[in-house]
C-alpha atoms as a PDB file:
ATOM      1  CA  MET A   1       0.000   0.000   0.000  1.00  0.00           C
ATOM      2  CA  PRO A   2       1.406   3.447  -0.920  1.00  0.00           C
ATOM      3  CA  ARG A   3       2.345   5.780   1.899  1.00  0.00           C
ATOM      4  CA  PRO A   4       0.554   9.118   2.257  1.00  0.00           C
ATOM      5  CA  LEU A   5       2.583  11.928   0.759  1.00  0.00           C
ATOM      6  CA  ILE A   6       2.336  15.699   1.077  1.00  0.00           C
ATOM      7  CA  ILE A   7       4.276  17.804  -1.422  1.00  0.00           C
ATOM      8  CA  ARG A   8       4.593  21.558  -1.123  1.00  0.00           C
ATOM      9  CA  PRO A   9       5.934  22.928  -4.399  1.00  0.00           C
ATOM     10  CA  GLU A  10       7.680  26.270  -4.062  1.00  0.00           C
ATOM     11  CA  GLN A  11       7.072  29.014  -6.640  1.00  0.00           C
ATOM     12  CA  GLU A  12      10.837  29.508  -7.018  1.00  0.00           C
ATOM     13  CA  GLN A  13      10.985  25.975  -8.489  1.00  0.00           C
ATOM     14  CA  GLU A  14       9.087  27.230 -11.556  1.00  0.00           C
ATOM     15  CA  VAL A  15      11.173  26.814 -14.733  1.00  0.00           C
ATOM     16  CA  TRP A  16      10.971  27.903 -18.356  1.00  0.00           C
ATOM     17  CA  PHE A  17      10.032  24.937 -20.565  1.00  0.00           C
ATOM     18  CA  GLU A  18      10.847  24.597 -24.278  1.00  0.00           C
ATOM     19  CA  GLU A  19       7.116  24.400 -24.959  1.00  0.00           C
ATOM     20  CA  GLY A  20       6.898  28.169 -24.461  1.00  0.00           C
ATOM     21  CA  CYS A  21       5.621  28.488 -20.909  1.00  0.00           C
ATOM     22  CA  TYR A  22       6.708  28.369 -17.301  1.00  0.00           C
ATOM     23  CA  ILE A  23       6.151  25.072 -15.459  1.00  0.00           C
ATOM     24  CA  LEU A  24       6.013  24.289 -11.775  1.00  0.00           C
ATOM     25  CA  GLU A  25       6.073  20.523 -11.201  1.00  0.00           C
ATOM     26  CA  CYS A  26       3.630  19.926  -8.352  1.00  0.00           C
ATOM     27  CA  LEU A  27       3.672  16.120  -8.494  1.00  0.00           C
ATOM     28  CA  ASN A  28       5.780  13.980 -10.799  1.00  0.00           C
ATOM     29  CA  SER A  29       7.174  11.112  -8.808  1.00  0.00           C
ATOM     30  CA  GLN A  30       7.754   7.397  -8.994  1.00  0.00           C
ATOM     31  CA  ALA A  31       5.806   7.381  -5.708  1.00  0.00           C
ATOM     32  CA  ASP A  32       2.675   8.060  -7.817  1.00  0.00           C
ATOM     33  CA  PRO A  33       3.456   6.792 -11.344  1.00  0.00           C
ATOM     34  CA  GLN A  34      -0.163   6.942 -12.476  1.00  0.00           C
ATOM     35  CA  THR A  35      -0.497  10.742 -12.422  1.00  0.00           C
ATOM     36  CA  SER A  36       1.466  13.971 -12.599  1.00  0.00           C
ATOM     37  CA  ILE A  37       0.340  17.515 -11.882  1.00  0.00           C
ATOM     38  CA  ALA A  38       2.084  20.672 -13.052  1.00  0.00           C
ATOM     39  CA  LYS A  39       1.097  24.327 -12.963  1.00  0.00           C
ATOM     40  CA  ALA A  40       1.678  26.065 -16.299  1.00  0.00           C
ATOM     41  CA  ARG A  41       1.902  29.810 -16.870  1.00  0.00           C
ATOM     42  CA  VAL A  42       1.699  31.352 -20.349  1.00  0.00           C
ATOM     43  CA  LEU A  43       2.609  35.024 -20.697  1.00  0.00           C
ATOM     44  CA  PRO A  44       0.221  37.510 -22.339  1.00  0.00           C
ATOM     45  CA  GLY A  45       0.373  37.545 -26.141  1.00  0.00           C
ATOM     46  CA  THR A  46       2.226  34.226 -26.372  1.00  0.00           C
ATOM     47  CA  ALA A  47       1.360  30.618 -27.164  1.00  0.00           C
ATOM     48  CA  THR A  48       2.851  27.239 -26.471  1.00  0.00           C
ATOM     49  CA  VAL A  49       4.539  25.304 -29.260  1.00  0.00           C
ATOM     50  CA  ARG A  50       2.336  22.796 -31.077  1.00  0.00           C
ATOM     51  CA  HIS A  51       3.102  19.428 -29.555  1.00  0.00           C
ATOM     52  CA  PHE A  52       1.665  16.112 -28.463  1.00  0.00           C
ATOM     53  CA  LEU A  53       2.344  13.532 -25.794  1.00  0.00           C
ATOM     54  CA  ARG A  54       2.912   9.874 -26.591  1.00  0.00           C
ATOM     55  CA  ALA A  55       0.987   7.383 -24.443  1.00  0.00           C
ATOM     56  CA  THR A  56      -0.243  10.159 -22.138  1.00  0.00           C
ATOM     57  CA  THR A  57      -3.648  11.758 -21.657  1.00  0.00           C
ATOM     58  CA  GLU A  58      -3.424  15.389 -20.583  1.00  0.00           C
ATOM     59  CA  ARG A  59      -6.007  17.599 -18.935  1.00  0.00           C
ATOM     60  CA  TYR A  60      -5.806  21.360 -18.524  1.00  0.00           C
ATOM     61  CA  TYR A  61      -7.735  22.889 -15.648  1.00  0.00           C
ATOM     62  CA  ILE A  62      -7.807  26.652 -16.208  1.00  0.00           C
ATOM     63  CA  LEU A  63      -7.199  28.639 -13.019  1.00  0.00           C
ATOM     64  CA  GLU A  64      -6.633  32.216 -14.249  1.00  0.00           C
ATOM     65  CA  GLY A  65      -6.736  34.213 -17.455  1.00  0.00           C
ATOM     66  CA  GLU A  66      -8.197  33.819 -20.913  1.00  0.00           C
ATOM     67  CA  GLY A  67      -6.944  31.460 -23.557  1.00  0.00           C
ATOM     68  CA  VAL A  68      -7.638  29.833 -26.882  1.00  0.00           C
ATOM     69  CA  VAL A  69      -6.908  26.129 -27.114  1.00  0.00           C
ATOM     70  CA  GLU A  70      -6.230  24.238 -30.349  1.00  0.00           C
ATOM     71  CA  ILE A  71      -6.617  20.457 -30.151  1.00  0.00           C
ATOM     72  CA  GLY A  72      -6.212  18.204 -33.173  1.00  0.00           C
ATOM     73  CA  GLU A  73      -8.604  19.134 -35.959  1.00  0.00           C
ATOM     74  CA  GLU A  74     -11.070  20.881 -33.635  1.00  0.00           C
ATOM     75  CA  PRO A  75     -11.648  24.617 -34.182  1.00  0.00           C
ATOM     76  CA  PRO A  76      -9.807  26.979 -31.815  1.00  0.00           C
ATOM     77  CA  THR A  77     -11.890  27.321 -28.652  1.00  0.00           C
ATOM     78  CA  ALA A  78     -11.881  30.024 -25.971  1.00  0.00           C
ATOM     79  CA  VAL A  79     -11.235  28.837 -22.419  1.00  0.00           C
ATOM     80  CA  GLY A  80     -11.266  30.519 -19.027  1.00  0.00           C
ATOM     81  CA  PRO A  81     -11.272  29.847 -15.288  1.00  0.00           C
ATOM     82  CA  GLY A  82     -13.030  26.615 -14.351  1.00  0.00           C
ATOM     83  CA  ASP A  83     -12.821  25.066 -17.825  1.00  0.00           C
ATOM     84  CA  VAL A  84     -11.304  21.603 -18.240  1.00  0.00           C
ATOM     85  CA  VAL A  85      -9.671  20.603 -21.535  1.00  0.00           C
ATOM     86  CA  LEU A  86      -9.189  16.885 -22.258  1.00  0.00           C
ATOM     87  CA  ILE A  87      -6.369  16.034 -24.680  1.00  0.00           C
ATOM     88  CA  PRO A  88      -5.998  12.386 -25.738  1.00  0.00           C
ATOM     89  CA  PRO A  89      -2.564  10.846 -26.383  1.00  0.00           C
ATOM     90  CA  GLU A  90      -0.929  11.572 -29.757  1.00  0.00           C
ATOM     91  CA  VAL A  91      -3.199  14.589 -30.470  1.00  0.00           C
ATOM     92  CA  ARG A  92      -1.514  17.879 -31.448  1.00  0.00           C
ATOM     93  CA  GLN A  93      -2.245  20.767 -29.150  1.00  0.00           C
ATOM     94  CA  ARG A  94      -1.315  24.264 -28.153  1.00  0.00           C
ATOM     95  CA  ILE A  95      -2.775  27.022 -26.031  1.00  0.00           C
ATOM     96  CA  CYS A  96      -2.574  30.776 -26.629  1.00  0.00           C
ATOM     97  CA  ASN A  97      -2.906  33.457 -23.991  1.00  0.00           C
ATOM     98  CA  ALA A  98      -5.681  35.737 -25.267  1.00  0.00           C
ATOM     99  CA  GLY A  99      -5.795  38.016 -22.230  1.00  0.00           C
ATOM    100  CA  SER A 100      -3.802  40.830 -20.689  1.00  0.00           C
ATOM    101  CA  GLY A 101      -2.630  38.844 -17.656  1.00  0.00           C
ATOM    102  CA  ASP A 102      -0.950  35.474 -17.242  1.00  0.00           C
ATOM    103  CA  LEU A 103      -2.856  32.354 -18.326  1.00  0.00           C
ATOM    104  CA  VAL A 104      -2.448  29.823 -15.495  1.00  0.00           C
ATOM    105  CA  PHE A 105      -3.644  26.232 -15.546  1.00  0.00           C
ATOM    106  CA  LEU A 106      -2.972  22.836 -14.061  1.00  0.00           C
ATOM    107  CA  CYS A 107      -1.754  20.049 -16.351  1.00  0.00           C
ATOM    108  CA  VAL A 108      -2.847  16.645 -15.087  1.00  0.00           C
ATOM    109  CA  CYS A 109      -1.254  13.748 -16.985  1.00  0.00           C
ATOM    110  CA  THR A 110      -2.002  10.034 -16.865  1.00  0.00           C
ATOM    111  CA  PRO A 111       0.242   8.207 -16.702  1.00  0.00           C
ATOM    112  CA  ARG A 112       2.644  10.768 -15.272  1.00  0.00           C
ATOM    113  CA  PHE A 113       4.481  13.119 -17.631  1.00  0.00           C
ATOM    114  CA  LYS A 114       7.809  11.868 -18.977  1.00  0.00           C
ATOM    115  CA  ALA A 115       9.989  14.142 -21.110  1.00  0.00           C
ATOM    116  CA  GLU A 116      10.641  11.366 -23.631  1.00  0.00           C
ATOM    117  CA  ASN A 117       6.900  11.328 -24.457  1.00  0.00           C
ATOM    118  CA  TYR A 118       6.897  15.041 -25.400  1.00  0.00           C
ATOM    119  CA  VAL A 119       7.031  15.679 -29.165  1.00  0.00           C
ATOM    120  CA  SER A 120       7.128  19.157 -30.764  1.00  0.00           C
ATOM    121  CA  SER A 121       5.149  19.138 -33.959  1.00  0.00           C
END
C-alpha cells in the first residue's frame, strides 16, 4: 500500500520549458506513477509550441486568465477559469494566452508526464 505523501511545491521551483511556458512541477514522482500535476503559466500575447504527448492523456484545468486552445482538428476554442480541456494521447495541441494577464492552468497527466513522451510538432 502506498504511503501518504504531502508535497509543497515552491514558486521559485518554476522553470521555463521549451514548450513556451513556465512550469512548476507539483507532483511527478515514482511514488505516484499513475499521475502527474504541473502548474503552467503562459505570458500575455504568447502561445505554447504545437506538440503532443505519446501514451499520455493530458487535462488542462484553467485557473486564471483567458486562452484559446487548439486540439487536433477541432476549431480553436476560448477557455477561461473553471474550464477543463481533455487532450488524448498523440493529439496535437497548443494554447494561446488571449488576455492581458498570465494564463495559469494545471496540467494533469495520466500516466505521469515523462519528457521522452513530449514531441514538438
